[in-house]
C-alpha atoms as a PDB file:
ATOM      1  CA  MET A   1     125.736 115.093-135.563  1.00  0.00           C
ATOM      2  CA  PRO A   2     124.133 116.498-138.734  1.00  0.00           C
ATOM      3  CA  ALA A   3     124.121 113.005-140.265  1.00  0.00           C
ATOM      4  CA  MET A   4     122.504 111.479-137.182  1.00  0.00           C
ATOM      5  CA  LYS A   5     119.854 114.191-137.122  1.00  0.00           C
ATOM      6  CA  ASN A   6     119.147 113.772-140.817  1.00  0.00           C
ATOM      7  CA  VAL A   7     118.658 110.017-140.445  1.00  0.00           C
ATOM      8  CA  HIS A   8     116.405 110.568-137.437  1.00  0.00           C
ATOM      9  CA  ASP A   9     114.357 113.198-139.280  1.00  0.00           C
ATOM     10  CA  ALA A  10     113.941 110.847-142.245  1.00  0.00           C
ATOM     11  CA  LEU A  11     112.692 108.106-139.933  1.00  0.00           C
ATOM     12  CA  ALA A  12     110.364 110.526-138.167  1.00  0.00           C
ATOM     13  CA  SER A  13     108.859 111.603-141.485  1.00  0.00           C
ATOM     14  CA  LEU A  14     107.905 107.962-142.060  1.00  0.00           C
ATOM     15  CA  GLY A  15     106.625 107.467-138.529  1.00  0.00           C
ATOM     16  CA  LEU A  16     109.434 105.040-137.716  1.00  0.00           C
ATOM     17  CA  ASP A  17     111.428 107.047-135.174  1.00  0.00           C
ATOM     18  CA  LYS A  18     109.926 105.152-132.213  1.00  0.00           C
ATOM     19  CA  GLN A  19     110.686 101.715-133.629  1.00  0.00           C
ATOM     20  CA  VAL A  20     114.125 102.577-134.979  1.00  0.00           C
ATOM     21  CA  THR A  21     116.495 104.793-133.055  1.00  0.00           C
ATOM     22  CA  VAL A  22     119.659 106.424-134.344  1.00  0.00           C
ATOM     23  CA  THR A  23     122.945 106.027-132.529  1.00  0.00           C
ATOM     24  CA  THR A  24     126.683 105.733-133.159  1.00  0.00           C
ATOM     25  CA  ALA A  25     129.534 103.736-131.656  1.00  0.00           C
ATOM     26  CA  HIS A  26     132.392 105.073-129.548  1.00  0.00           C
ATOM     27  CA  SER A  27     135.818 103.658-128.838  1.00  0.00           C
ATOM     28  CA  LEU A  28     136.893 103.542-125.213  1.00  0.00           C
ATOM     29  CA  ALA A  29     139.465 106.099-126.332  1.00  0.00           C
ATOM     30  CA  ILE A  30     136.865 108.734-125.450  1.00  0.00           C
ATOM     31  CA  LEU A  31     137.608 108.027-121.781  1.00  0.00           C
ATOM     32  CA  GLU A  32     140.296 110.014-120.022  1.00  0.00           C
ATOM     33  CA  THR A  33     140.283 107.601-117.089  1.00  0.00           C
ATOM     34  CA  SER A  34     138.692 104.181-116.747  1.00  0.00           C
ATOM     35  CA  TYR A  35     140.310 102.598-113.699  1.00  0.00           C
ATOM     36  CA  PRO A  36     138.929 102.073-111.188  1.00  0.00           C
ATOM     37  CA  PRO A  37     135.513 102.030-112.886  1.00  0.00           C
ATOM     38  CA  SER A  38     134.048 104.664-110.564  1.00  0.00           C
ATOM     39  CA  THR A  39     136.575 107.216-111.855  1.00  0.00           C
ATOM     40  CA  GLY A  40     135.516 106.876-115.499  1.00  0.00           C
ATOM     41  CA  ARG A  41     135.462 110.289-117.182  1.00  0.00           C
ATOM     42  CA  PHE A  42     135.264 111.532-120.762  1.00  0.00           C
ATOM     43  CA  ARG A  43     138.328 113.169-122.287  1.00  0.00           C
ATOM     44  CA  ARG A  44     138.163 116.930-122.094  1.00  0.00           C
ATOM     45  CA  ASP A  45     139.158 117.391-125.733  1.00  0.00           C
ATOM     46  CA  VAL A  46     136.091 115.454-126.948  1.00  0.00           C
ATOM     47  CA  ALA A  47     133.682 116.413-124.165  1.00  0.00           C
ATOM     48  CA  SER A  48     131.765 118.986-126.211  1.00  0.00           C
ATOM     49  CA  ARG A  49     131.208 116.561-129.104  1.00  0.00           C
ATOM     50  CA  VAL A  50     130.162 113.774-126.755  1.00  0.00           C
ATOM     51  CA  SER A  51     127.778 116.193-125.050  1.00  0.00           C
ATOM     52  CA  GLN A  52     126.087 116.949-128.378  1.00  0.00           C
ATOM     53  CA  VAL A  53     125.609 113.245-129.044  1.00  0.00           C
ATOM     54  CA  LEU A  54     124.256 112.671-125.533  1.00  0.00           C
ATOM     55  CA  ASP A  55     121.779 115.535-125.831  1.00  0.00           C
ATOM     56  CA  PHE A  56     120.522 114.086-129.108  1.00  0.00           C
ATOM     57  CA  GLN A  57     120.272 110.572-127.682  1.00  0.00           C
ATOM     58  CA  CYS A  58     118.436 111.788-124.600  1.00  0.00           C
ATOM     59  CA  GLN A  59     115.871 113.516-126.811  1.00  0.00           C
ATOM     60  CA  THR A  60     115.394 110.538-129.129  1.00  0.00           C
ATOM     61  CA  GLY A  61     115.681 107.704-126.598  1.00  0.00           C
ATOM     62  CA  SER A  62     118.591 105.891-128.223  1.00  0.00           C
ATOM     63  CA  SER A  63     121.310 103.987-126.384  1.00  0.00           C
ATOM     64  CA  PHE A  64     124.969 104.906-125.914  1.00  0.00           C
ATOM     65  CA  LEU A  65     127.188 102.444-127.798  1.00  0.00           C
ATOM     66  CA  ILE A  66     130.758 101.508-126.948  1.00  0.00           C
ATOM     67  CA  ASN A  67     133.321  99.238-128.584  1.00  0.00           C
ATOM     68  CA  ALA A  68     135.072  97.437-125.741  1.00  0.00           C
ATOM     69  CA  TYR A  69     137.998  95.057-126.202  1.00  0.00           C
ATOM     70  CA  PRO A  70     139.652  93.609-123.084  1.00  0.00           C
ATOM     71  CA  TYR A  71     142.043  91.937-125.536  1.00  0.00           C
ATOM     72  CA  PHE A  72     143.765  95.259-126.146  1.00  0.00           C
ATOM     73  CA  ALA A  73     144.357  95.941-122.466  1.00  0.00           C
ATOM     74  CA  TYR A  74     145.863  92.482-122.075  1.00  0.00           C
ATOM     75  CA  LYS A  75     148.069  92.820-125.144  1.00  0.00           C
ATOM     76  CA  ALA A  76     149.437  96.104-123.845  1.00  0.00           C
ATOM     77  CA  ASN A  77     150.413  94.645-120.476  1.00  0.00           C
ATOM     78  CA  PRO A  78     150.209  90.827-120.358  1.00  0.00           C
ATOM     79  CA  LYS A  79     152.483  90.598-117.326  1.00  0.00           C
ATOM     80  CA  GLN A  80     150.159  92.642-115.134  1.00  0.00           C
ATOM     81  CA  VAL A  81     146.708  91.940-116.595  1.00  0.00           C
ATOM     82  CA  PRO A  82     145.628  88.383-115.664  1.00  0.00           C
ATOM     83  CA  LEU A  83     144.448  86.355-118.656  1.00  0.00           C
ATOM     84  CA  ASP A  84     141.655  84.780-116.591  1.00  0.00           C
ATOM     85  CA  PHE A  85     140.341  88.264-115.783  1.00  0.00           C
ATOM     86  CA  VAL A  86     139.889  89.156-119.451  1.00  0.00           C
ATOM     87  CA  LEU A  87     138.531  85.730-120.501  1.00  0.00           C
ATOM     88  CA  PHE A  88     135.648  85.655-117.976  1.00  0.00           C
ATOM     89  CA  GLN A  89     137.265  82.810-116.059  1.00  0.00           C
ATOM     90  CA  ALA A  90     137.508  82.354-112.311  1.00  0.00           C
ATOM     91  CA  SER A  91     139.747  85.047-110.888  1.00  0.00           C
ATOM     92  CA  GLN A  92     140.096  87.231-107.842  1.00  0.00           C
ATOM     93  CA  GLY A  93     139.187  90.189-109.995  1.00  0.00           C
ATOM     94  CA  ILE A  94     139.516  93.757-108.803  1.00  0.00           C
ATOM     95  CA  THR A  95     137.631  95.767-106.196  1.00  0.00           C
ATOM     96  CA  ASP A  96     136.828  99.414-106.796  1.00  0.00           C
ATOM     97  CA  PRO A  97     138.137 101.187-103.670  1.00  0.00           C
ATOM     98  CA  SER A  98     135.530 103.949-103.953  1.00  0.00           C
ATOM     99  CA  THR A  99     132.421 101.788-104.324  1.00  0.00           C
ATOM    100  CA  GLY A 100     133.560  98.461-102.872  1.00  0.00           C
ATOM    101  CA  LEU A 101     132.180  96.730-105.969  1.00  0.00           C
ATOM    102  CA  ASN A 102     134.064  93.634-107.099  1.00  0.00           C
ATOM    103  CA  TYR A 103     134.700  93.001-110.783  1.00  0.00           C
ATOM    104  CA  GLU A 104     135.350  89.428-111.877  1.00  0.00           C
ATOM    105  CA  ASN A 105     136.031  90.348-115.504  1.00  0.00           C
ATOM    106  CA  MET A 106     137.453  93.310-117.372  1.00  0.00           C
ATOM    107  CA  LEU A 107     134.560  93.860-119.781  1.00  0.00           C
ATOM    108  CA  PHE A 108     132.148  94.676-116.957  1.00  0.00           C
ATOM    109  CA  ALA A 109     134.728  97.050-115.484  1.00  0.00           C
ATOM    110  CA  GLN A 110     134.997  98.789-118.857  1.00  0.00           C
ATOM    111  CA  ILE A 111     131.218  99.084-119.163  1.00  0.00           C
ATOM    112  CA  ASP A 112     130.888 100.550-115.677  1.00  0.00           C
ATOM    113  CA  ALA A 113     133.672 103.042-116.382  1.00  0.00           C
ATOM    114  CA  VAL A 114     131.424 104.323-119.173  1.00  0.00           C
ATOM    115  CA  HIS A 115     128.446 104.403-116.788  1.00  0.00           C
ATOM    116  CA  SER A 116     130.543 106.534-114.428  1.00  0.00           C
ATOM    117  CA  ALA A 117     131.564 108.885-117.226  1.00  0.00           C
ATOM    118  CA  LEU A 118     127.931 109.307-118.263  1.00  0.00           C
ATOM    119  CA  ALA A 119     126.849 109.961-114.681  1.00  0.00           C
ATOM    120  CA  ALA A 120     129.563 112.589-114.280  1.00  0.00           C
ATOM    121  CA  VAL A 121     128.037 114.652-117.105  1.00  0.00           C
ATOM    122  CA  GLY A 122     124.432 114.191-116.010  1.00  0.00           C
ATOM    123  CA  TYR A 123     123.340 111.078-117.925  1.00  0.00           C
ATOM    124  CA  ALA A 124     123.353 108.435-115.207  1.00  0.00           C
ATOM    125  CA  ASN A 125     120.219 106.756-116.558  1.00  0.00           C
ATOM    126  CA  MET A 126     121.328 106.415-120.169  1.00  0.00           C
ATOM    127  CA  THR A 127     121.381 102.830-121.419  1.00  0.00           C
ATOM    128  CA  VAL A 128     124.770 101.502-122.507  1.00  0.00           C
ATOM    129  CA  HIS A 129     125.120  98.769-125.137  1.00  0.00           C
ATOM    130  CA  VAL A 130     128.352  97.125-126.267  1.00  0.00           C
ATOM    131  CA  SER A 131     128.380  97.554-130.039  1.00  0.00           C
ATOM    132  CA  GLU A 132     131.610  95.603-130.540  1.00  0.00           C
ATOM    133  CA  THR A 133     133.683  93.158-128.556  1.00  0.00           C
ATOM    134  CA  GLY A 134     135.614  90.027-129.434  1.00  0.00           C
ATOM    135  CA  TRP A 135     138.940  88.230-129.469  1.00  0.00           C
ATOM    136  CA  PRO A 136     141.267  87.398-132.392  1.00  0.00           C
ATOM    137  CA  SER A 137     142.019  83.767-133.202  1.00  0.00           C
ATOM    138  CA  ARG A 138     145.395  84.569-134.796  1.00  0.00           C
ATOM    139  CA  GLY A 139     148.007  87.279-134.460  1.00  0.00           C
ATOM    140  CA  ASP A 140     151.565  88.295-135.210  1.00  0.00           C
ATOM    141  CA  ASP A 141     154.426  86.900-133.132  1.00  0.00           C
ATOM    142  CA  ASP A 142     154.244  89.854-130.746  1.00  0.00           C
ATOM    143  CA  GLU A 143     150.459  89.619-130.318  1.00  0.00           C
ATOM    144  CA  VAL A 144     150.385  87.415-127.270  1.00  0.00           C
ATOM    145  CA  GLY A 145     147.131  85.600-126.612  1.00  0.00           C
ATOM    146  CA  ALA A 146     145.653  85.819-130.117  1.00  0.00           C
ATOM    147  CA  THR A 147     144.808  82.112-130.391  1.00  0.00           C
ATOM    148  CA  PRO A 148     141.754  80.028-131.366  1.00  0.00           C
ATOM    149  CA  GLU A 149     141.621  78.674-127.807  1.00  0.00           C
ATOM    150  CA  ASN A 150     141.424  82.126-126.254  1.00  0.00           C
ATOM    151  CA  ALA A 151     138.932  83.375-128.849  1.00  0.00           C
ATOM    152  CA  LYS A 152     136.721  80.392-128.069  1.00  0.00           C
ATOM    153  CA  LYS A 153     137.005  81.042-124.343  1.00  0.00           C
ATOM    154  CA  TYR A 154     136.286  84.756-124.613  1.00  0.00           C
ATOM    155  CA  ASN A 155     133.237  84.572-126.858  1.00  0.00           C
ATOM    156  CA  GLY A 156     131.896  81.358-125.341  1.00  0.00           C
ATOM    157  CA  ASN A 157     132.220  82.587-121.771  1.00  0.00           C
ATOM    158  CA  LEU A 158     130.714  85.928-122.757  1.00  0.00           C
ATOM    159  CA  ILE A 159     127.583  84.206-124.059  1.00  0.00           C
ATOM    160  CA  LYS A 160     127.448  82.076-120.934  1.00  0.00           C
ATOM    161  CA  ILE A 161     127.703  85.029-118.560  1.00  0.00           C
ATOM    162  CA  VAL A 162     125.088  87.069-120.426  1.00  0.00           C
ATOM    163  CA  LYS A 163     122.696  84.111-120.259  1.00  0.00           C
ATOM    164  CA  GLN A 164     122.875  84.388-116.461  1.00  0.00           C
ATOM    165  CA  LYS A 165     120.820  87.578-116.836  1.00  0.00           C
ATOM    166  CA  LYS A 166     122.996  89.573-114.479  1.00  0.00           C
ATOM    167  CA  GLY A 167     124.025  93.117-115.181  1.00  0.00           C
ATOM    168  CA  THR A 168     127.300  94.758-114.257  1.00  0.00           C
ATOM    169  CA  PRO A 169     128.193  95.404-110.601  1.00  0.00           C
ATOM    170  CA  MET A 170     127.179  99.063-110.976  1.00  0.00           C
ATOM    171  CA  LYS A 171     123.967  98.260-112.885  1.00  0.00           C
ATOM    172  CA  PRO A 172     122.977  94.764-111.672  1.00  0.00           C
ATOM    173  CA  ASN A 173     119.362  95.029-112.825  1.00  0.00           C
ATOM    174  CA  SER A 174     120.089  96.271-116.342  1.00  0.00           C
ATOM    175  CA  ASP A 175     119.962  93.999-119.381  1.00  0.00           C
ATOM    176  CA  LEU A 176     123.230  93.411-121.197  1.00  0.00           C
ATOM    177  CA  ASN A 177     123.039  93.915-124.960  1.00  0.00           C
ATOM    178  CA  ILE A 178     126.302  93.034-126.656  1.00  0.00           C
ATOM    179  CA  TYR A 179     127.331  92.642-130.301  1.00  0.00           C
ATOM    180  CA  VAL A 180     130.183  90.210-130.859  1.00  0.00           C
ATOM    181  CA  PHE A 181     132.413  91.183-133.785  1.00  0.00           C
ATOM    182  CA  ALA A 182     132.561  89.562-136.321  1.00  0.00           C
ATOM    183  CA  LEU A 183     131.005  86.814-138.377  1.00  0.00           C
ATOM    184  CA  PHE A 184     133.875  86.468-140.890  1.00  0.00           C
ATOM    185  CA  ASN A 185     137.605  87.137-140.864  1.00  0.00           C
ATOM    186  CA  GLU A 186     138.595  90.195-142.900  1.00  0.00           C
ATOM    187  CA  ASN A 187     141.485  88.719-144.848  1.00  0.00           C
ATOM    188  CA  MET A 188     142.196  91.902-146.843  1.00  0.00           C
ATOM    189  CA  LYS A 189     142.194  94.292-143.887  1.00  0.00           C
ATOM    190  CA  PRO A 190     145.524  96.105-143.322  1.00  0.00           C
ATOM    191  CA  GLY A 191     147.386  96.264-140.035  1.00  0.00           C
ATOM    192  CA  PRO A 192     148.382  93.562-137.549  1.00  0.00           C
ATOM    193  CA  MET A 193     147.381  89.973-138.266  1.00  0.00           C
ATOM    194  CA  SER A 194     144.931  90.054-135.358  1.00  0.00           C
ATOM    195  CA  GLU A 195     142.822  92.658-137.186  1.00  0.00           C
ATOM    196  CA  ARG A 196     142.115  90.101-139.917  1.00  0.00           C
ATOM    197  CA  ASN A 197     141.176  87.281-137.558  1.00  0.00           C
ATOM    198  CA  TYR A 198     138.247  88.213-135.324  1.00  0.00           C
ATOM    199  CA  GLY A 199     135.750  86.156-137.314  1.00  0.00           C
ATOM    200  CA  LEU A 200     133.946  83.026-136.307  1.00  0.00           C
ATOM    201  CA  PHE A 201     134.364  81.914-139.918  1.00  0.00           C
ATOM    202  CA  LYS A 202     137.108  82.249-142.501  1.00  0.00           C
ATOM    203  CA  PRO A 203     136.320  83.934-145.842  1.00  0.00           C
ATOM    204  CA  ASP A 204     135.786  80.513-147.467  1.00  0.00           C
ATOM    205  CA  GLY A 205     133.079  79.683-144.922  1.00  0.00           C
ATOM    206  CA  THR A 206     135.045  77.182-142.848  1.00  0.00           C
ATOM    207  CA  PRO A 207     135.016  77.809-139.073  1.00  0.00           C
ATOM    208  CA  SER A 208     137.913  79.593-137.411  1.00  0.00           C
ATOM    209  CA  TYR A 209     137.055  77.616-134.286  1.00  0.00           C
ATOM    210  CA  THR A 210     134.007  75.965-132.773  1.00  0.00           C
ATOM    211  CA  LEU A 211     132.119  78.227-130.390  1.00  0.00           C
ATOM    212  CA  SER A 212     129.673  77.135-127.727  1.00  0.00           C
ATOM    213  CA  SER A 213     128.092  78.995-124.837  1.00  0.00           C
ATOM    214  CA  GLY A 214     130.016  76.760-122.464  1.00  0.00           C
ATOM    215  CA  GLY A 215     133.288  78.556-123.177  1.00  0.00           C
ATOM    216  CA  GLY A 216     136.040  76.021-122.703  1.00  0.00           C
ATOM    217  CA  GLY A 217     138.965  75.410-124.993  1.00  0.00           C
ATOM    218  CA  GLY A 218     142.638  75.025-124.380  1.00  0.00           C
ATOM    219  CA  GLY A 219     145.108  77.422-122.886  1.00  0.00           C
ATOM    220  CA  GLY A 220     146.907  80.253-124.554  1.00  0.00           C
ATOM    221  CA  GLY A 221     149.058  83.275-124.071  1.00  0.00           C
ATOM    222  CA  GLY A 222     147.757  86.775-123.827  1.00  0.00           C
ATOM    223  CA  GLY A 223     147.620  89.957-125.721  1.00  0.00           C
ATOM    224  CA  THR A 224     145.844  93.225-126.203  1.00  0.00           C
ATOM    225  CA  SER A 225     146.754  96.753-126.911  1.00  0.00           C
ATOM    226  CA  ASN A 226     145.024  99.312-124.820  1.00  0.00           C
ATOM    227  CA  GLY A 227     145.714 102.542-126.650  1.00  0.00           C
ATOM    228  CA  THR A 228     142.782 104.407-125.160  1.00  0.00           C
ATOM    229  CA  SER A 229     142.170 105.151-121.509  1.00  0.00           C
ATOM    230  CA  SER A 230     144.918 106.287-119.213  1.00  0.00           C
ATOM    231  CA  GLY A 231     145.897 103.837-116.528  1.00  0.00           C
ATOM    232  CA  GLY A 232     142.896 101.678-117.153  1.00  0.00           C
ATOM    233  CA  PHE A 233     141.172  99.301-119.505  1.00  0.00           C
ATOM    234  CA  GLY A 234     141.691  99.951-123.200  1.00  0.00           C
ATOM    235  CA  GLY A 235     139.397  99.632-126.157  1.00  0.00           C
ATOM    236  CA  GLY A 236     139.789  99.505-129.895  1.00  0.00           C
ATOM    237  CA  GLY A 237     139.764  97.159-132.864  1.00  0.00           C
ATOM    238  CA  GLY A 238     137.409  94.461-134.052  1.00  0.00           C
ATOM    239  CA  GLY A 239     136.309  90.964-133.126  1.00  0.00           C
ATOM    240  CA  SER A 240     133.837  88.192-133.845  1.00  0.00           C
ATOM    241  CA  GLY A 241     131.710  85.396-132.487  1.00  0.00           C
ATOM    242  CA  SER A 242     128.989  82.866-133.237  1.00  0.00           C
ATOM    243  CA  ALA A 243     125.416  82.149-132.330  1.00  0.00           C
ATOM    244  CA  SER A 244     123.922  79.926-129.662  1.00  0.00           C
ATOM    245  CA  ASP A 245     120.417  78.922-128.597  1.00  0.00           C
ATOM    246  CA  GLY A 246     118.332  81.874-127.494  1.00  0.00           C
ATOM    247  CA  THR A 247     120.579  84.419-129.173  1.00  0.00           C
ATOM    248  CA  PRO A 248     119.054  86.457-131.997  1.00  0.00           C
ATOM    249  CA  PRO A 249     121.037  87.257-135.122  1.00  0.00           C
ATOM    250  CA  ALA A 250     122.246  90.804-135.511  1.00  0.00           C
ATOM    251  CA  PRO A 251     122.569  92.994-138.603  1.00  0.00           C
ATOM    252  CA  ILE A 252     125.739  93.485-140.643  1.00  0.00           C
ATOM    253  CA  GLY A 253     127.437  90.224-139.653  1.00  0.00           C
ATOM    254  CA  TYR A 254     127.412  90.714-135.890  1.00  0.00           C
ATOM    255  CA  LEU A 255     126.167  88.299-133.255  1.00  0.00           C
ATOM    256  CA  SER A 256     123.742  89.854-130.786  1.00  0.00           C
ATOM    257  CA  VAL A 257     124.121  88.547-127.232  1.00  0.00           C
ATOM    258  CA  SER A 258     121.477  89.834-124.855  1.00  0.00           C
ATOM    259  CA  SER A 259     120.074  89.058-121.418  1.00  0.00           C
ATOM    260  CA  GLY A 260     116.837  90.474-122.859  1.00  0.00           C
ATOM    261  CA  ALA A 261     116.814  88.263-125.968  1.00  0.00           C
ATOM    262  CA  ASN A 262     113.032  88.146-126.327  1.00  0.00           C
ATOM    263  CA  GLU A 263     112.861  91.921-126.340  1.00  0.00           C
ATOM    264  CA  LEU A 264     115.525  92.058-129.027  1.00  0.00           C
ATOM    265  CA  ARG A 265     113.642  89.525-131.120  1.00  0.00           C
ATOM    266  CA  SER A 266     110.432  91.556-130.954  1.00  0.00           C
ATOM    267  CA  LEU A 267     112.276  94.671-131.999  1.00  0.00           C
ATOM    268  CA  GLY A 268     114.205  92.804-134.677  1.00  0.00           C
ATOM    269  CA  ALA A 269     117.361  94.390-133.311  1.00  0.00           C
ATOM    270  CA  ALA A 270     115.722  97.649-134.307  1.00  0.00           C
ATOM    271  CA  CYS A 271     118.293  99.873-132.693  1.00  0.00           C
ATOM    272  CA  LEU A 272     119.647 101.431-135.818  1.00  0.00           C
ATOM    273  CA  MET A 273     122.981  99.731-136.270  1.00  0.00           C
ATOM    274  CA  LEU A 274     122.774 101.280-139.719  1.00  0.00           C
ATOM    275  CA  ALA A 275     123.874 104.496-138.074  1.00  0.00           C
ATOM    276  CA  LEU A 276     126.787 102.722-136.487  1.00  0.00           C
ATOM    277  CA  PHE A 277     128.221 101.892-139.878  1.00  0.00           C
ATOM    278  CA  LEU A 278     127.010 104.742-142.068  1.00  0.00           C
ATOM    279  CA  ILE A 279     127.652 107.729-139.823  1.00  0.00           C
ATOM    280  CA  LYS A 280     130.191 106.415-137.369  1.00  0.00           C
ATOM    281  CA  LEU A 281     131.839 109.211-135.434  1.00  0.00           C
ATOM    282  CA  VAL A 282     135.528 108.822-134.771  1.00  0.00           C
ATOM    283  CA  PHE A 283     136.776 110.101-131.449  1.00  0.00           C
END
């Protein structure tokens, strides 16, 4: 919090605090529950820290950022999580028994779980942006579903669905602002192979796969490791995508996908993603 306040104060001293807002990204690990979406709640052990961030964001008008990766939920339980559900493809989806809302893809369910958690602590009207999402094009032998075909489907279908200018079931009239991670593979990053292969491009500049807003691509297995919310939809790691017509570029090697693209252009993606990388809070 001190770092966020210091950055905000510096911007305010220059008269830039209205054009550039300060925020930070959160893993879905901050959720204690996320399924069904209406039961989304923040973990009690981080509630006080989240509350401080929310108070600051309410005062400054910045958006709440989450890193959401359906891939991890699929990897953790590929036998029970349908691949079509996480790749934005035709599926029966799930219906929230409390609200009756139907979810045709996991990402929207994850976003609405965050909306529910915010509402539960008095911030129902706070804007939520997805600061990271994506799908790896390669993985280790036990990382089911980390294929170029599935990466192409995930990122391509994501762009396609955002272009429809529909919000989530819980917030149907809200613009979706999503940053697809990442532009390049991180070939020197430690950990599982998937962590090095979220990029649209390889380090030498050649494409990892060809991405279009039409989705498409071949089949593929599944895979994602949840590691965050109990009994629900996980979050975590990194990812990447590519641009399409009507989609503004984003800072720091991310692709910005927005149903309010013109607004983002006029602001120049002014939401301070700088804060996301310089003062990122780890929950």
